[in-house]
C-alpha atoms as a PDB file:
ATOM      1  CA  MET A   1     -37.062 112.586 128.401  1.00  0.00           C
ATOM      2  CA  GLN A   2     -39.451 115.911 127.795  1.00  0.00           C
ATOM      3  CA  GLN A   3     -42.178 113.813 127.382  1.00  0.00           C
ATOM      4  CA  GLN A   4     -41.621 111.295 130.019  1.00  0.00           C
ATOM      5  CA  GLN A   5     -41.520 114.108 132.346  1.00  0.00           C
ATOM      6  CA  MET A   6     -44.803 115.491 130.807  1.00  0.00           C
ATOM      7  CA  GLN A   7     -46.144 112.207 131.175  1.00  0.00           C
ATOM      8  CA  TYR A   8     -45.429 112.332 134.800  1.00  0.00           C
ATOM      9  CA  ALA A   9     -46.767 115.400 135.287  1.00  0.00           C
ATOM     10  CA  PHE A  10     -50.155 114.693 133.439  1.00  0.00           C
ATOM     11  CA  SER A  11     -50.194 111.312 135.934  1.00  0.00           C
ATOM     12  CA  SER A  12     -49.727 113.457 138.863  1.00  0.00           C
ATOM     13  CA  ARG A  13     -52.481 115.764 138.657  1.00  0.00           C
ATOM     14  CA  VAL A  14     -54.713 113.055 137.799  1.00  0.00           C
ATOM     15  CA  ILE A  15     -53.888 111.757 141.527  1.00  0.00           C
ATOM     16  CA  ASP A  16     -54.776 115.544 142.490  1.00  0.00           C
ATOM     17  CA  TYR A  17     -57.400 115.910 141.118  1.00  0.00           C
ATOM     18  CA  VAL A  18     -59.015 112.408 142.299  1.00  0.00           C
ATOM     19  CA  TRP A  19     -57.703 113.123 145.719  1.00  0.00           C
ATOM     20  CA  PHE A  20     -59.458 116.540 145.837  1.00  0.00           C
ATOM     21  CA  TYR A  21     -62.778 114.835 144.101  1.00  0.00           C
ATOM     22  CA  ALA A  22     -62.701 112.061 146.956  1.00  0.00           C
ATOM     23  CA  LEU A  23     -61.647 114.459 150.114  1.00  0.00           C
ATOM     24  CA  VAL A  24     -64.924 116.947 148.647  1.00  0.00           C
ATOM     25  CA  LEU A  25     -67.489 114.049 148.314  1.00  0.00           C
ATOM     26  CA  SER A  26     -66.689 112.256 152.000  1.00  0.00           C
ATOM     27  CA  GLU A  27     -67.011 116.003 153.102  1.00  0.00           C
ATOM     28  CA  LEU A  28     -70.418 116.088 151.557  1.00  0.00           C
ATOM     29  CA  THR A  29     -71.448 112.719 152.385  1.00  0.00           C
ATOM     30  CA  ALA A  30     -70.347 113.260 156.157  1.00  0.00           C
ATOM     31  CA  ARG A  31     -72.505 116.523 156.042  1.00  0.00           C
ATOM     32  CA  TYR A  32     -75.580 115.423 154.387  1.00  0.00           C
ATOM     33  CA  TYR A  33     -75.280 111.952 157.212  1.00  0.00           C
ATOM     34  CA  ALA A  34     -74.893 114.884 160.251  1.00  0.00           C
ATOM     35  CA  TYR A  35     -77.613 116.755 159.023  1.00  0.00           C
ATOM     36  CA  CYS A  36     -79.610 114.299 157.939  1.00  0.00           C
ATOM     37  CA  PRO A  37     -79.641 111.124 159.459  1.00  0.00           C
ATOM     38  CA  PRO A  38     -81.005 108.377 157.657  1.00  0.00           C
ATOM     39  CA  HIS A  39     -83.604 106.686 158.922  1.00  0.00           C
ATOM     40  CA  ASP A  40     -83.292 103.412 157.277  1.00  0.00           C
ATOM     41  CA  TYR A  41     -80.458 101.620 158.746  1.00  0.00           C
ATOM     42  CA  ARG A  42     -81.055  98.507 156.251  1.00  0.00           C
ATOM     43  CA  LEU A  43     -77.775  99.701 153.837  1.00  0.00           C
ATOM     44  CA  TYR A  44     -75.586  99.624 156.983  1.00  0.00           C
ATOM     45  CA  ALA A  45     -77.087  96.176 158.503  1.00  0.00           C
ATOM     46  CA  ARG A  46     -76.221  94.852 154.583  1.00  0.00           C
ATOM     47  CA  LEU A  47     -73.371  96.376 154.211  1.00  0.00           C
ATOM     48  CA  ARG A  48     -72.092  95.399 158.225  1.00  0.00           C
ATOM     49  CA  PRO A  49     -72.244  91.878 158.802  1.00  0.00           C
ATOM     50  CA  PRO A  50     -74.063  91.044 162.455  1.00  0.00           C
END
């Protein structure tokens, strides 16, 4: 019983860390593109079909 509780706590903590990392990464990416707009739109053209 205690082992299962520990495993659940560990998995929830990992999910929290991954969520926080994704949030910070998206925030940094948004700020980078807000301050330094990309001059090369080929990446967007490649990702989004016309």
